Amino acid sequence: MEKELKKLLNSLTEEQREQLHRNINSISDEDLEKVITKEINKKVGEKYDF
């Protein structure tokens, strides 16, 4: 997956890179925490079958 992401990032134009950077920086800490918590809970649920 890391290779695919690097390949995708390398294929972006400078304008697309700047837009991606702005989008990433606009994500609030609260939203990021919600997404991370949701993903962790999903992974734990898959592993331990809750």
PDB file of N, CA and C in Angstrom:
ATOM      1  N   MET A   1       0.822  -1.193   0.000  1.00  0.00           N
ATOM      2  CA  MET A   1       0.000   0.000   0.000  1.00  0.00           C
ATOM      3  C   MET A   1       0.869   1.261   0.000  1.00  0.00           C
ATOM      4  N   GLU A   2       1.962   1.222   0.731  1.00  0.00           N
ATOM      5  CA  GLU A   2       2.847   2.383   0.788  1.00  0.00           C
ATOM      6  C   GLU A   2       3.409   2.714  -0.592  1.00  0.00           C
ATOM      7  N   LYS A   3       3.763   1.670  -1.353  1.00  0.00           N
ATOM      8  CA  LYS A   3       4.295   1.896  -2.705  1.00  0.00           C
ATOM      9  C   LYS A   3       3.258   2.572  -3.595  1.00  0.00           C
ATOM     10  N   GLU A   4       1.999   2.125  -3.483  1.00  0.00           N
ATOM     11  CA  GLU A   4       0.931   2.701  -4.291  1.00  0.00           C
ATOM     12  C   GLU A   4       0.715   4.165  -3.928  1.00  0.00           C
ATOM     13  N   LEU A   5       0.762   4.475  -2.628  1.00  0.00           N
ATOM     14  CA  LEU A   5       0.592   5.863  -2.203  1.00  0.00           C
ATOM     15  C   LEU A   5       1.727   6.741  -2.708  1.00  0.00           C
ATOM     16  N   LYS A   6       2.953   6.251  -2.621  1.00  0.00           N
ATOM     17  CA  LYS A   6       4.096   7.020  -3.120  1.00  0.00           C
ATOM     18  C   LYS A   6       3.968   7.260  -4.618  1.00  0.00           C
ATOM     19  N   LYS A   7       3.553   6.237  -5.345  1.00  0.00           N
ATOM     20  CA  LYS A   7       3.389   6.371  -6.790  1.00  0.00           C
ATOM     21  C   LYS A   7       2.319   7.412  -7.116  1.00  0.00           C
ATOM     22  N   LEU A   8       1.221   7.356  -6.367  1.00  0.00           N
ATOM     23  CA  LEU A   8       0.136   8.309  -6.571  1.00  0.00           C
ATOM     24  C   LEU A   8       0.590   9.728  -6.246  1.00  0.00           C
ATOM     25  N   LEU A   9       1.272   9.913  -5.119  1.00  0.00           N
ATOM     26  CA  LEU A   9       1.762  11.237  -4.747  1.00  0.00           C
ATOM     27  C   LEU A   9       2.738  11.782  -5.782  1.00  0.00           C
ATOM     28  N   ASN A  10       3.597  10.918  -6.297  1.00  0.00           N
ATOM     29  CA  ASN A  10       4.569  11.353  -7.305  1.00  0.00           C
ATOM     30  C   ASN A  10       3.907  11.759  -8.614  1.00  0.00           C
ATOM     31  N   SER A  11       2.707  11.244  -8.873  1.00  0.00           N
ATOM     32  CA  SER A  11       2.021  11.558 -10.122  1.00  0.00           C
ATOM     33  C   SER A  11       1.212  12.862 -10.054  1.00  0.00           C
ATOM     34  N   LEU A  12       1.097  13.441  -8.851  1.00  0.00           N
ATOM     35  CA  LEU A  12       0.322  14.674  -8.707  1.00  0.00           C
ATOM     36  C   LEU A  12       1.071  15.874  -9.279  1.00  0.00           C
ATOM     37  N   THR A  13       0.303  16.813  -9.820  1.00  0.00           N
ATOM     38  CA  THR A  13       0.901  18.069 -10.255  1.00  0.00           C
ATOM     39  C   THR A  13       1.162  18.929  -9.025  1.00  0.00           C
ATOM     40  N   GLU A  14       1.937  19.976  -9.189  1.00  0.00           N
ATOM     41  CA  GLU A  14       2.235  20.887  -8.068  1.00  0.00           C
ATOM     42  C   GLU A  14       0.946  21.474  -7.492  1.00  0.00           C
ATOM     43  N   GLU A  15       0.018  21.836  -8.344  1.00  0.00           N
ATOM     44  CA  GLU A  15      -1.256  22.402  -7.894  1.00  0.00           C
ATOM     45  C   GLU A  15      -2.045  21.362  -7.079  1.00  0.00           C
ATOM     46  N   GLN A  16      -2.048  20.120  -7.561  1.00  0.00           N
ATOM     47  CA  GLN A  16      -2.745  19.063  -6.840  1.00  0.00           C
ATOM     48  C   GLN A  16      -2.089  18.794  -5.480  1.00  0.00           C
ATOM     49  N   ARG A  17      -0.769  18.863  -5.429  1.00  0.00           N
ATOM     50  CA  ARG A  17      -0.055  18.676  -4.154  1.00  0.00           C
ATOM     51  C   ARG A  17      -0.428  19.776  -3.161  1.00  0.00           C
ATOM     52  N   GLU A  18      -0.475  21.007  -3.643  1.00  0.00           N
ATOM     53  CA  GLU A  18      -0.835  22.122  -2.777  1.00  0.00           C
ATOM     54  C   GLU A  18      -2.256  21.980  -2.260  1.00  0.00           C
ATOM     55  N   GLN A  19      -3.174  21.556  -3.124  1.00  0.00           N
ATOM     56  CA  GLN A  19      -4.569  21.362  -2.722  1.00  0.00           C
ATOM     57  C   GLN A  19      -4.670  20.241  -1.688  1.00  0.00           C
ATOM     58  N   LEU A  20      -3.957  19.158  -1.908  1.00  0.00           N
ATOM     59  CA  LEU A  20      -3.943  18.047  -0.952  1.00  0.00           C
ATOM     60  C   LEU A  20      -3.422  18.525   0.397  1.00  0.00           C
ATOM     61  N   HIS A  21      -2.359  19.294   0.377  1.00  0.00           N
ATOM     62  CA  HIS A  21      -1.777  19.832   1.612  1.00  0.00           C
ATOM     63  C   HIS A  21      -2.791  20.708   2.349  1.00  0.00           C
ATOM     64  N   ARG A  22      -3.487  21.572   1.621  1.00  0.00           N
ATOM     65  CA  ARG A  22      -4.514  22.426   2.246  1.00  0.00           C
ATOM     66  C   ARG A  22      -5.638  21.582   2.826  1.00  0.00           C
ATOM     67  N   ASN A  23      -6.063  20.558   2.095  1.00  0.00           N
ATOM     68  CA  ASN A  23      -7.144  19.696   2.575  1.00  0.00           C
ATOM     69  C   ASN A  23      -6.744  18.958   3.847  1.00  0.00           C
ATOM     70  N   ILE A  24      -5.539  18.443   3.872  1.00  0.00           N
ATOM     71  CA  ILE A  24      -5.057  17.722   5.055  1.00  0.00           C
ATOM     72  C   ILE A  24      -4.994  18.667   6.248  1.00  0.00           C
ATOM     73  N   ASN A  25      -4.500  19.863   6.032  1.00  0.00           N
ATOM     74  CA  ASN A  25      -4.372  20.825   7.124  1.00  0.00           C
ATOM     75  C   ASN A  25      -5.712  21.339   7.627  1.00  0.00           C
ATOM     76  N   SER A  26      -6.767  21.207   6.825  1.00  0.00           N
ATOM     77  CA  SER A  26      -8.081  21.710   7.233  1.00  0.00           C
ATOM     78  C   SER A  26      -8.853  20.710   8.090  1.00  0.00           C
ATOM     79  N   ILE A  27      -8.339  19.490   8.234  1.00  0.00           N
ATOM     80  CA  ILE A  27      -9.011  18.483   9.044  1.00  0.00           C
ATOM     81  C   ILE A  27      -8.822  18.833  10.517  1.00  0.00           C
ATOM     82  N   SER A  28      -9.922  18.903  11.251  1.00  0.00           N
ATOM     83  CA  SER A  28      -9.816  19.242  12.673  1.00  0.00           C
ATOM     84  C   SER A  28      -9.321  18.042  13.474  1.00  0.00           C
ATOM     85  N   ASP A  29      -8.719  18.339  14.612  1.00  0.00           N
ATOM     86  CA  ASP A  29      -8.241  17.268  15.493  1.00  0.00           C
ATOM     87  C   ASP A  29      -9.399  16.371  15.942  1.00  0.00           C
ATOM     88  N   GLU A  30     -10.556  16.977  16.177  1.00  0.00           N
ATOM     89  CA  GLU A  30     -11.716  16.208  16.631  1.00  0.00           C
ATOM     90  C   GLU A  30     -12.167  15.220  15.552  1.00  0.00           C
ATOM     91  N   ASP A  31     -12.227  15.689  14.305  1.00  0.00           N
ATOM     92  CA  ASP A  31     -12.624  14.804  13.208  1.00  0.00           C
ATOM     93  C   ASP A  31     -11.619  13.679  13.024  1.00  0.00           C
ATOM     94  N   LEU A  32     -10.347  14.022  13.118  1.00  0.00           N
ATOM     95  CA  LEU A  32      -9.295  13.027  12.977  1.00  0.00           C
ATOM     96  C   LEU A  32      -9.402  11.978  14.084  1.00  0.00           C
ATOM     97  N   GLU A  33      -9.649  12.424  15.298  1.00  0.00           N
ATOM     98  CA  GLU A  33      -9.790  11.512  16.433  1.00  0.00           C
ATOM     99  C   GLU A  33     -10.982  10.574  16.235  1.00  0.00           C
ATOM    100  N   LYS A  34     -12.093  11.098  15.719  1.00  0.00           N
ATOM    101  CA  LYS A  34     -13.280  10.268  15.475  1.00  0.00           C
ATOM    102  C   LYS A  34     -12.972   9.163  14.467  1.00  0.00           C
ATOM    103  N   VAL A  35     -12.305   9.523  13.380  1.00  0.00           N
ATOM    104  CA  VAL A  35     -11.986   8.552  12.334  1.00  0.00           C
ATOM    105  C   VAL A  35     -11.022   7.490  12.867  1.00  0.00           C
ATOM    106  N   ILE A  36     -10.001   7.919  13.587  1.00  0.00           N
ATOM    107  CA  ILE A  36      -9.020   6.973  14.134  1.00  0.00           C
ATOM    108  C   ILE A  36      -9.698   6.026  15.118  1.00  0.00           C
ATOM    109  N   THR A  37     -10.530   6.566  16.006  1.00  0.00           N
ATOM    110  CA  THR A  37     -11.237   5.745  16.986  1.00  0.00           C
ATOM    111  C   THR A  37     -12.144   4.731  16.288  1.00  0.00           C
ATOM    112  N   LYS A  38     -12.842   5.177  15.268  1.00  0.00           N
ATOM    113  CA  LYS A  38     -13.738   4.288  14.522  1.00  0.00           C
ATOM    114  C   LYS A  38     -12.945   3.140  13.884  1.00  0.00           C
ATOM    115  N   GLU A  39     -11.798   3.472  13.260  1.00  0.00           N
ATOM    116  CA  GLU A  39     -10.974   2.450  12.616  1.00  0.00           C
ATOM    117  C   GLU A  39     -10.389   1.472  13.638  1.00  0.00           C
ATOM    118  N   ILE A  40      -9.946   1.981  14.780  1.00  0.00           N
ATOM    119  CA  ILE A  40      -9.412   1.101  15.829  1.00  0.00           C
ATOM    120  C   ILE A  40     -10.498   0.158  16.316  1.00  0.00           C
ATOM    121  N   ASN A  41     -11.679   0.689  16.581  1.00  0.00           N
ATOM    122  CA  ASN A  41     -12.784  -0.142  17.052  1.00  0.00           C
ATOM    123  C   ASN A  41     -13.156  -1.207  16.026  1.00  0.00           C
ATOM    124  N   LYS A  42     -13.106  -0.832  14.745  1.00  0.00           N
ATOM    125  CA  LYS A  42     -13.425  -1.788  13.679  1.00  0.00           C
ATOM    126  C   LYS A  42     -12.391  -2.913  13.661  1.00  0.00           C
ATOM    127  N   LYS A  43     -11.110  -2.552  13.750  1.00  0.00           N
ATOM    128  CA  LYS A  43     -10.046  -3.560  13.731  1.00  0.00           C
ATOM    129  C   LYS A  43     -10.111  -4.473  14.953  1.00  0.00           C
ATOM    130  N   VAL A  44     -10.369  -3.897  16.128  1.00  0.00           N
ATOM    131  CA  VAL A  44     -10.473  -4.691  17.350  1.00  0.00           C
ATOM    132  C   VAL A  44     -11.675  -5.627  17.240  1.00  0.00           C
ATOM    133  N   GLY A  45     -12.763  -5.124  16.711  1.00  0.00           N
ATOM    134  CA  GLY A  45     -13.961  -5.951  16.535  1.00  0.00           C
ATOM    135  C   GLY A  45     -13.718  -7.102  15.581  1.00  0.00           C
ATOM    136  N   GLU A  46     -12.971  -6.873  14.512  1.00  0.00           N
ATOM    137  CA  GLU A  46     -12.651  -7.939  13.557  1.00  0.00           C
ATOM    138  C   GLU A  46     -11.756  -8.995  14.210  1.00  0.00           C
ATOM    139  N   LYS A  47     -10.786  -8.523  14.983  1.00  0.00           N
ATOM    140  CA  LYS A  47      -9.807  -9.445  15.578  1.00  0.00           C
ATOM    141  C   LYS A  47     -10.417 -10.271  16.707  1.00  0.00           C
ATOM    142  N   TYR A  48     -11.226  -9.625  17.528  1.00  0.00           N
ATOM    143  CA  TYR A  48     -11.749 -10.304  18.709  1.00  0.00           C
ATOM    144  C   TYR A  48     -13.227 -10.669  18.598  1.00  0.00           C
ATOM    145  N   ASP A  49     -13.826 -10.360  17.459  1.00  0.00           N
ATOM    146  CA  ASP A  49     -15.193 -10.780  17.157  1.00  0.00           C
ATOM    147  C   ASP A  49     -16.195 -10.339  18.215  1.00  0.00           C
ATOM    148  N   PHE A  50     -16.205  -9.044  18.546  1.00  0.00           N
ATOM    149  CA  PHE A  50     -17.170  -8.498  19.507  1.00  0.00           C
ATOM    150  C   PHE A  50     -18.519  -8.314  18.848  1.00  0.00           C
TER     151      PHE A  50
END
